Structures are given as structure tokens and as C-alpha cells.
Protein backbone atom coordinates (compact mmCIF):
# COMPACT_ATOMS: atom_id res chain seq x y z
CA MET A 1 0.00 0.00 0.00
CA VAL A 2 1.31 3.44 -0.93
CA THR A 3 1.04 5.98 1.87
CA TYR A 4 0.41 9.59 0.89
CA SER A 5 2.90 12.10 2.21
CA ASP A 6 3.26 15.84 1.78
CA PRO A 7 6.81 17.09 2.40
CA SER A 8 5.44 20.53 3.24
CA ASP A 9 3.45 19.23 6.21
CA ARG A 10 3.70 15.78 7.71
CA PHE A 11 0.20 16.11 9.14
CA ILE A 12 -1.30 15.98 5.63
CA ARG A 13 -1.85 12.27 5.01
CA ASN A 14 -3.90 11.98 1.81
CA GLU A 15 -5.18 13.83 -1.23
CA ARG A 16 -8.43 14.87 0.42
CA GLU A 17 -6.56 16.50 3.31
CA ALA A 18 -4.17 18.12 0.84
CA ASN A 19 -7.11 19.70 -0.98
CA ILE A 20 -8.67 20.90 2.26
CA ALA A 21 -5.36 22.44 3.33
CA ALA A 22 -4.80 24.04 -0.09
CA ARG A 23 -8.16 25.80 0.01
CA ALA A 24 -7.46 27.10 3.52
CA ASP A 25 -4.03 28.30 2.40
CA ARG A 26 -5.52 30.19 -0.56
CA LEU A 27 -8.06 31.89 1.65
CA ALA A 28 -5.48 32.64 4.36
CA ALA A 29 -3.29 34.47 1.86
CA ILE A 30 -6.23 36.65 0.80
CA PHE A 31 -7.36 37.33 4.36
CA ALA A 32 -3.84 38.23 5.51
CA GLU A 33 -3.86 41.21 3.13
CA ARG A 34 -7.08 42.55 4.65
CA ALA A 35 -6.41 41.74 8.29
CA PRO A 36 -4.46 44.91 9.25
CA LYS A 37 -7.26 47.24 8.14
CA HIS A 38 -10.01 45.21 9.80
CA ASP A 39 -7.99 45.00 13.00
CA LEU A 40 -7.23 48.71 13.07
CA GLU A 41 -10.87 49.63 12.54
CA GLY A 42 -12.33 46.79 14.62
CA ALA A 43 -14.49 46.13 11.57
CA PHE A 44 -16.20 42.87 10.64
CA PRO A 45 -14.63 41.37 7.47
CA PHE A 46 -17.78 40.83 5.39
CA GLU A 47 -15.76 40.21 2.24
CA ASN A 48 -13.90 37.34 3.94
CA PHE A 49 -17.17 35.59 4.59
CA ASP A 50 -18.20 36.10 0.99
CA GLU A 51 -14.99 34.29 0.03
CA LEU A 52 -15.67 31.51 2.54
CA ARG A 53 -19.16 31.11 1.12
CA ASP A 54 -18.02 31.07 -2.51
CA SER A 55 -15.27 28.52 -1.78
CA GLY A 56 -17.63 26.04 -0.12
CA TYR A 57 -15.88 26.42 3.23
CA LEU A 58 -19.16 26.97 5.08
CA ALA A 59 -20.21 23.40 4.27
CA LEU A 60 -16.97 21.81 5.49
CA THR A 61 -18.71 19.84 8.27
CA VAL A 62 -22.16 19.48 6.72
CA PRO A 63 -22.92 15.75 6.21
CA GLU A 64 -22.31 14.45 2.70
CA SER A 65 -25.92 13.27 2.54
CA TYR A 66 -26.95 16.94 2.81
CA GLY A 67 -24.47 18.23 0.25
CA GLY A 68 -21.48 19.00 2.46
CA GLU A 69 -17.95 17.66 2.83
CA GLU A 70 -18.55 15.96 6.22
CA ALA A 71 -15.05 16.78 7.44
CA SER A 72 -13.70 14.75 10.32
CA ILE A 73 -12.44 16.48 13.45
CA TYR A 74 -8.90 15.95 12.15
CA GLU A 75 -9.78 17.66 8.87
CA LEU A 76 -11.52 20.47 10.75
CA VAL A 77 -8.35 21.05 12.79
CA LEU A 78 -6.16 20.94 9.69
CA SER A 79 -8.30 23.45 7.83
CA GLN A 80 -8.71 25.85 10.73
CA GLU A 81 -5.05 25.86 11.64
CA ARG A 82 -4.08 26.76 8.07
CA LEU A 83 -6.79 29.43 7.78
CA ALA A 84 -5.70 31.13 11.01
CA ARG A 85 -2.19 31.69 9.67
CA GLY A 86 -3.72 34.47 7.59
CA ASP A 87 -6.29 36.01 9.92
CA GLY A 88 -7.02 34.72 13.40
CA SER A 89 -10.26 36.68 13.81
CA THR A 90 -11.84 35.22 10.69
CA ALA A 91 -10.66 31.70 11.52
CA LEU A 92 -11.96 31.78 15.08
CA ALA A 93 -15.29 33.22 13.97
CA ILE A 94 -15.97 30.67 11.24
CA GLY A 95 -14.72 27.95 13.57
CA TRP A 96 -17.80 28.39 15.73
CA HIS A 97 -20.00 27.84 12.65
CA ILE A 98 -18.34 24.68 11.37
CA GLY A 99 -17.87 23.39 14.91
CA LEU A 100 -21.55 23.86 15.72
CA LEU A 101 -22.62 21.98 12.57
CA LYS A 102 -20.32 19.12 13.55
CA GLN A 103 -21.73 19.11 17.07
CA LEU A 104 -25.32 19.01 15.85
CA HIS A 105 -24.48 16.15 13.48
CA LEU A 106 -22.66 14.11 16.13
CA SER A 107 -25.22 14.63 18.87
CA GLY A 108 -28.42 14.25 16.90
CA ALA A 109 -29.90 16.69 19.42
CA CYS A 110 -31.47 18.80 16.68
CA PRO A 111 -34.63 17.25 15.21
CA GLU A 112 -33.59 15.64 11.94
CA GLU A 113 -35.98 17.58 9.72
CA LEU A 114 -34.80 20.88 11.19
CA PHE A 115 -31.14 19.88 10.89
CA ARG A 116 -31.69 18.94 7.24
CA GLU A 117 -33.24 22.36 6.58
CA LEU A 118 -30.32 24.15 8.21
CA CYS A 119 -27.78 22.14 6.23
CA HIS A 120 -29.65 22.91 3.02
CA GLU A 121 -29.53 26.64 3.83
CA VAL A 122 -25.81 26.42 4.56
CA VAL A 123 -25.05 24.65 1.29
CA GLN A 124 -27.48 26.50 -0.98
CA ASP A 125 -27.79 29.94 0.60
CA GLY A 126 -24.59 30.36 2.59
CA LEU A 127 -26.30 30.41 5.99
CA ILE A 128 -23.88 31.05 8.86
CA LEU A 129 -24.73 29.74 12.32
CA ASN A 130 -23.53 30.12 15.89
CA GLU A 131 -24.77 29.15 19.33
CA LEU A 132 -25.15 32.07 21.74
CA ALA A 133 -24.83 30.94 25.33
CA SER A 134 -22.65 33.44 27.22
CA GLU A 135 -24.19 36.12 29.40
CA ARG A 136 -22.42 38.80 31.40
CA ALA A 137 -24.06 37.72 34.66
CA THR A 138 -23.16 34.05 34.27
CA GLY A 139 -19.77 34.26 32.58
CA SER A 140 -18.64 31.35 30.45
CA PRO A 141 -21.35 28.67 30.13
CA SER A 142 -18.58 26.10 30.60
CA ARG A 143 -18.58 27.12 34.29
CA GLY A 144 -22.16 25.94 34.67
CA GLY A 145 -23.94 29.25 35.10
CA LYS A 146 -27.68 29.19 34.42
CA PRO A 147 -28.89 31.57 31.71
CA GLN A 148 -30.88 34.59 32.84
CA SER A 149 -32.53 34.66 29.44
CA LYS A 150 -36.08 33.34 29.81
CA ALA A 151 -38.27 31.22 27.53
CA VAL A 152 -41.96 31.58 28.35
CA LYS A 153 -44.30 28.95 26.92
CA VAL A 154 -47.13 30.33 24.80
CA ASP A 155 -49.50 28.81 22.30
CA GLY A 156 -47.51 27.30 19.45
CA GLY A 157 -44.07 28.15 20.80
CA TRP A 158 -42.05 30.31 23.15
CA LEU A 159 -41.38 33.98 23.86
CA ILE A 160 -37.70 34.49 24.60
CA SER A 161 -36.19 37.54 26.28
CA GLY A 162 -32.67 38.24 27.48
CA GLN A 163 -29.22 39.44 26.47
CA LYS A 164 -26.30 37.38 25.19
CA SER A 165 -22.67 38.44 25.13
CA PHE A 166 -19.67 37.32 23.05
CA CYS A 167 -22.02 36.72 20.11
CA THR A 168 -19.34 35.98 17.53
CA LEU A 169 -20.47 36.43 13.91
CA SER A 170 -23.38 38.63 15.02
CA PRO A 171 -23.24 40.90 11.92
CA VAL A 172 -23.96 37.94 9.59
CA LEU A 173 -26.24 35.73 11.70
CA ARG A 174 -29.64 35.32 10.09
CA LYS A 175 -30.36 32.36 12.36
CA PHE A 176 -28.69 31.29 15.58
CA ILE A 177 -29.19 29.01 18.56
CA VAL A 178 -29.78 30.53 21.99
CA SER A 179 -29.95 29.02 25.45
CA ALA A 180 -32.66 30.14 27.85
CA THR A 181 -34.21 29.00 31.10
CA MET A 182 -37.65 27.51 30.40
CA THR A 183 -39.97 29.06 32.97
CA ASP A 184 -42.44 26.17 32.95
CA SER A 185 -39.83 23.64 34.07
CA ASP A 186 -36.90 25.75 35.31
CA THR A 187 -34.61 23.79 32.99
CA VAL A 188 -32.30 25.10 30.28
CA GLY A 189 -33.42 24.78 26.68
CA SER A 190 -31.78 25.57 23.34
CA PHE A 191 -33.80 27.23 20.60
CA LEU A 192 -33.23 28.16 16.98
CA MET A 193 -33.99 31.85 16.56
CA GLU A 194 -34.24 34.07 13.48
CA ALA A 195 -32.86 37.59 13.38
CA GLY A 196 -35.56 40.19 12.90
CA GLU A 197 -38.26 41.77 15.03
CA GLY A 198 -37.34 41.80 18.70
CA VAL A 199 -33.64 41.06 18.04
CA GLN A 200 -31.13 43.89 18.41
CA ILE A 201 -27.34 43.92 18.08
CA LEU A 202 -25.50 46.14 20.58
CA GLU A 203 -22.06 46.93 19.17
CA THR A 204 -20.11 46.27 22.35
CA TRP A 205 -17.10 44.45 20.87
CA ASN A 206 -14.04 46.72 21.20
CA THR A 207 -11.17 44.59 22.41
CA LEU A 208 -7.41 44.24 22.59
CA GLY A 209 -7.32 41.19 20.32
CA MET A 210 -9.58 39.28 17.93
CA ARG A 211 -11.05 42.64 17.04
CA SER A 212 -12.81 41.53 13.86
CA THR A 213 -14.93 38.61 15.11
CA GLY A 214 -18.06 40.72 15.49
CA SER A 215 -18.65 39.33 18.99
CA HIS A 216 -21.20 41.96 20.04
CA ASP A 217 -24.10 41.60 22.48
CA ILE A 218 -27.50 40.54 21.20
CA VAL A 219 -30.69 41.60 22.97
CA MET A 220 -33.91 39.58 22.59
CA ASN A 221 -37.23 41.11 23.54
CA GLU A 222 -40.12 38.61 23.55
CA VAL A 223 -38.97 36.98 20.35
CA PHE A 224 -41.40 34.28 19.25
CA VAL A 225 -39.86 30.89 18.53
CA PRO A 226 -42.17 28.15 17.22
CA ASP A 227 -42.25 24.75 18.92
CA ARG A 228 -40.44 23.08 16.01
CA TYR A 229 -37.41 25.31 16.70
CA LEU A 230 -36.85 23.76 20.12
CA ILE A 231 -33.54 21.90 19.79
CA ARG A 232 -32.82 20.76 23.34
CA GLY A 233 -34.90 20.95 26.49
CA GLY A 234 -38.32 19.75 27.60
CA ALA A 235 -39.51 16.71 25.68
CA ASN A 236 -36.64 17.05 23.22
CA SER A 237 -34.19 16.22 26.01
CA GLN A 238 -35.30 12.63 25.68
CA LEU A 239 -35.03 12.37 21.89
CA ARG A 240 -31.89 10.29 22.15
CA LYS A 241 -29.19 9.37 24.60
CA PRO A 242 -26.59 12.15 24.90
CA VAL A 243 -23.30 11.40 23.14
CA PRO A 244 -19.93 13.16 23.54
CA THR A 245 -19.55 15.97 21.01
CA ASP A 246 -16.69 17.96 22.51
CA GLY A 247 -14.32 17.10 19.68
CA ASN A 248 -15.64 20.02 17.67
CA MET A 249 -14.11 22.38 20.25
CA LEU A 250 -10.66 21.55 18.90
CA HIS A 251 -11.29 24.32 16.40
CA ILE A 252 -10.22 26.67 19.21
CA PRO A 253 -6.64 25.42 19.78
CA ALA A 254 -6.30 24.89 16.02
CA CYS A 255 -6.96 28.59 15.47
CA TYR A 256 -4.45 29.84 18.03
CA LEU A 257 -1.77 27.41 16.92
CA GLY A 258 -2.37 28.65 13.37
CA ILE A 259 -1.78 32.24 14.47
CA ALA A 260 1.45 31.13 16.12
CA HIS A 261 2.50 29.26 12.99
CA GLY A 262 1.99 32.44 10.98
CA ALA A 263 4.13 34.39 13.45
CA ARG A 264 6.82 31.72 13.27
CA ASP A 265 6.86 31.85 9.47
CA PHE A 266 7.19 35.63 9.49
CA ALA A 267 10.01 35.63 12.06
CA ILE A 268 12.02 33.01 10.20
CA ALA A 269 11.64 34.80 6.87
CA PHE A 270 12.65 38.07 8.55
CA ALA A 271 15.71 36.51 10.20
CA ALA A 272 16.85 34.94 6.94
CA LYS A 273 17.06 38.30 5.13
CA HIS A 274 17.56 40.94 7.84
CA LYS A 275 21.21 42.02 7.95
CA PRO A 276 22.07 45.09 10.04
CA ASN A 277 25.17 46.96 8.88
CA SER A 278 26.97 45.72 12.00
CA LEU A 279 26.86 42.17 10.62
CA GLN A 280 28.26 40.42 7.57
CA VAL A 281 25.46 37.83 7.58
CA PRO A 282 21.69 37.80 8.20
CA ILE A 283 20.67 37.49 11.85
CA ALA A 284 19.53 33.91 11.20
CA GLU A 285 23.23 32.98 11.37
CA LEU A 286 23.57 34.20 14.95
CA PRO A 287 23.60 31.46 17.62
CA HIS A 288 21.12 33.17 19.93
CA ILE A 289 18.66 33.69 17.06
CA GLN A 290 19.02 30.04 16.07
CA ARG A 291 18.30 29.07 19.66
CA GLN A 292 15.12 31.14 19.66
CA ILE A 293 14.04 29.61 16.34
CA GLY A 294 14.73 26.17 17.77
CA GLU A 295 12.60 26.93 20.82
CA MET A 296 9.76 28.04 18.56
CA GLU A 297 10.06 24.80 16.59
CA LEU A 298 10.07 22.71 19.76
CA ASP A 299 6.85 24.33 20.99
CA LEU A 300 5.20 24.13 17.57
CA ILE A 301 6.07 20.50 16.89
CA THR A 302 5.04 19.41 20.39
CA ALA A 303 1.72 21.24 20.31
CA ARG A 304 0.80 20.25 16.74
CA THR A 305 1.65 16.62 17.40
CA TYR A 306 -0.55 16.43 20.48
CA LEU A 307 -3.39 18.37 18.85
CA TYR A 308 -3.50 16.26 15.69
CA HIS A 309 -3.01 13.03 17.62
CA THR A 310 -5.96 13.90 19.85
CA ALA A 311 -8.14 14.80 16.85
CA ASP A 312 -7.22 11.53 15.16
CA ARG A 313 -8.06 9.52 18.28
CA TRP A 314 -11.41 11.29 18.53
CA ASP A 315 -12.27 10.29 14.98
CA LYS A 316 -11.11 6.69 15.31
CA GLU A 317 -12.11 5.81 18.88
CA ALA A 318 -15.81 6.61 18.84
CA GLU A 319 -16.56 4.25 21.71
CA ARG A 320 -14.00 6.01 23.95
CA ARG A 321 -14.94 9.62 23.29
CA ALA A 322 -16.28 10.18 26.79
CA GLU A 323 -12.86 9.17 28.15
CA LEU A 324 -11.11 11.56 25.77
CA LYS A 325 -12.67 14.68 27.27
CA VAL A 326 -9.64 15.26 29.49
CA GLU A 327 -7.32 14.86 26.48
CA LEU A 328 -9.32 17.45 24.56
CA GLY A 329 -8.71 19.89 27.40
CA VAL A 330 -5.02 19.06 27.47
CA ALA A 331 -4.78 19.66 23.72
CA LYS A 332 -6.33 23.09 24.15
CA HIS A 333 -4.07 23.93 27.10
CA VAL A 334 -0.90 22.75 25.36
CA ALA A 335 -1.71 24.45 22.06
CA THR A 336 -2.83 27.84 23.35
CA ASN A 337 -0.01 28.23 25.85
CA ALA A 338 2.55 27.11 23.29
CA ALA A 339 1.05 29.59 20.84
CA VAL A 340 1.58 32.46 23.27
CA ARG A 341 5.22 31.45 23.75
CA ILE A 342 5.82 31.04 20.01
CA VAL A 343 4.50 34.50 19.16
CA ASP A 344 6.56 35.99 21.99
CA GLN A 345 9.70 34.32 20.64
CA ALA A 346 8.89 35.53 17.13
CA MET A 347 8.74 39.09 18.42
CA ARG A 348 12.04 38.69 20.25
CA ILE A 349 13.65 37.49 17.02
CA VAL A 350 12.34 40.45 15.01
CA GLY A 351 13.10 42.88 17.82
CA GLY A 352 11.67 46.37 18.18
CA LEU A 353 10.29 46.31 14.64
CA SER A 354 7.82 43.66 15.80
CA LEU A 355 5.88 46.40 17.58
CA SER A 356 5.20 48.22 14.33
CA ARG A 357 1.77 48.05 12.77
CA SER A 358 3.57 47.64 9.47
CA PHE A 359 4.24 44.04 10.52
CA PRO A 360 1.63 41.44 11.52
CA LEU A 361 3.36 40.32 14.72
CA GLU A 362 1.84 42.92 17.04
CA ARG A 363 -1.64 41.88 15.89
CA MET A 364 -0.78 38.20 16.28
CA TYR A 365 0.57 38.92 19.76
CA ARG A 366 -2.74 40.48 20.78
CA ASP A 367 -4.90 37.88 19.03
CA VAL A 368 -3.15 34.83 20.38
CA ARG A 369 -3.72 35.82 24.00
CA ALA A 370 -7.46 35.52 23.54
CA GLY A 371 -7.01 31.75 23.50
CA LEU A 372 -6.34 31.78 27.23
CA HIS A 373 -9.92 32.96 27.76
CA ASN A 374 -11.67 30.41 25.52
CA PRO A 375 -12.96 27.20 27.10
CA PRO A 376 -11.82 25.04 28.69
CA MET A 377 -9.82 27.37 30.91
CA ASP A 378 -6.39 26.32 32.12
CA ASP A 379 -7.48 25.86 35.74
CA VAL A 380 -10.28 23.49 34.67
CA VAL A 381 -7.88 21.40 32.58
CA ILE A 382 -5.37 21.10 35.43
CA THR A 383 -8.09 20.23 37.95
CA ASN A 384 -9.49 17.54 35.64
CA LEU A 385 -6.02 16.01 35.30
CA ALA A 386 -5.54 16.04 39.06
CA ASN A 387 -8.94 14.45 39.67
CA ARG A 388 -8.23 11.70 37.14
CA ALA A 389 -4.85 10.99 38.73
CA LEU A 390 -6.54 10.79 42.13
CA GLY A 391 -9.21 8.47 40.80
CA LYS A 392 -12.04 10.90 41.40
């Protein structure tokens, strides 16, 4: 048997993965040209999402039976890591869309007819989705806070009111999933909601990093949601036995490691050609610069290996996915912390010029730190490891 290999990236194992990576590379190159302006203005990159739509990227994780590519978690990680080398904000934002579609497919929590309709809209109309769960009063939903948003049962559906924060992709969301406490049962439900009457975007997103994700607040004022748009909660909680779906969250470490990879590439290219008049050779020939490059490589190889290995195990070991939850957290911890170190080393290699807005490193430095605040948080990962070691 002939094994496929790509000398440019040992994590590309076959022609399908090579094609997925090539598309992401093409898009990343385009997005990299636009990223400085979007970052400076804190503007949402609408044209990037037009490109994603036209390229078929939006359907990356849509099941093949519904017209998509049905990417595995490994392929999702590969694509997102490559995309983020060009623009971290765009990669992280679209990661929530493709990750959510993968989650809905794996879990079967969404009624099949409704899921089929959503997939059709993604493939045919370029629908972009996200799940809005965070609220300022509860913090990250991964901490277990109960939504203050309320769903009141009425004839034929629900009236939902509340305010969501960190609503990534908000400028392009025509439909989205929201969590709300169901007042008739005091349990948490998830509902598909359409933008329109009663839905308002508050442009609150003005941040240090990831400035172009469009993660504004969304206010809902007695928005009617029909019964068929109930995805989880109430009777729908018993539609099928819950299954682990956390693998889709690997889009997060993939994004931040991609940003770091982009910073690494820039620093190495800079070192290979930058020759101050005090030297006879480029700075890449200096021992201390070579040491810093080596440290970047060590972090990058270690983090990529663990991330891709974990994604591959998730795909192949379906019966053990519940046991892999700790490993998913470790992959995120290892990748995001390594990414911060890699970008820092890249800036040390480039020196004071790395602070200039003429170079991408200062943006990458700000963007990559956002990974520390995406779930699961470092303290949760470490606690889970300790509890497993203690047999808890």
C-alpha cells in the first residue's frame, strides 16, 4: 500500500486532506492582506465571509448526505489551523460555525428535519450559524452558570427575552441558537432563533485582540420561537441518549496554533534576510537567534503533534470519546499556551520592529492571548487532570 505524504506538512496524510489544506491556504493568503485594516478599525470582514461562502468552506462539516464535505475532526483542525495563519479573527469566527454543525451532526440533538433544513440553507444559501450561550451575569457557560434569558411557553411556541454576550459572527447571523431557562420547568433549553423583530445587536465588541470577530451583544425582547425550533430541552431532552460531542471544540486550539504558525513563518523569513550593517550575515546565522528559532520549533512541533493526535483519536475511537474529554482539554491547554510562547519568541527574534503596525506580529501577539480565555480554561484542565490521577 502506498502511503500519501506531503513534504510541506507531515500532518497531511492523503489527497483529500491536501485539498482541504490548499483551500485554507488560498483563503489565508487573501485574508492576511485585509487583516491589518479590519484589526485597526475593529471592523467585521464581510468580504472574507463572501470568500468563505463562494469557496464552499461553510459546508466543510455538513454531512455528505446533505451536500457538504462531512469533514472529520482531524480535517476540521487541519483546515482551521491553516486558515488562522492568515487572519485569526476570521478563523476563530468561522470555527464556531463549522464546529456547531459538527456538534449538531454528532449529537443528533437537533430534530432531523430541522437539521436537514439548516444544512440545506448552509449549502445552498450560505447560511452562517452560531450558538449564543454566554451572558455577562453568568460568565462562560462552561462554568455551569444558568442563563438569565427566559423562555416563556405560549400557544404554538415560546417567547424568549434576554441578552447574550460574546455573540461571535453577530453581523452575519440570520439564524442562531440561543440558550434560555424555560420558565415552565426551570430547565435550560436551546432554541433556533431568526434575526428580525425583537432582536437587536448592541455593538459592544471593542477589544485588545480578535477585534474583527463581530462578537457583540445581542438583545432579545419577547422573540417568538415556534415549537419546532426547540432543539434541546423539555420533551426534546429525551429524543436520544446524549453522546460526547466535545471534539468540535478543537477548532479553538487549532486557530491559536495557526496564528502562532503564521508568526513563526514571518520571524524566520525576517531573520533569513535581515542584515544590520553591523553584521556580515543575516541574523539567522547568529547562535542566539538560532536558539530562539529552535525553541519556537520545539513548541510548535510538540503542540501540533498532540493536537493532531488527539483529533485523530477522537475520529477513530468513537466508543471512547467520553474518556477523551480530558485529552481534549489538554490539547487546548498545550496548544494555546505554546502559541503564546511562540508569538513571543517571534517578536524577540524580530526585535523592536515587531511592535510596528507595518508588521503582523503585534496583531498576532494580541490575538493569540485571547485563546487563554476560551474554554476550557487552564485551571479546569489542570483540575481535571488532578482528579483523574486521584481516581475521582
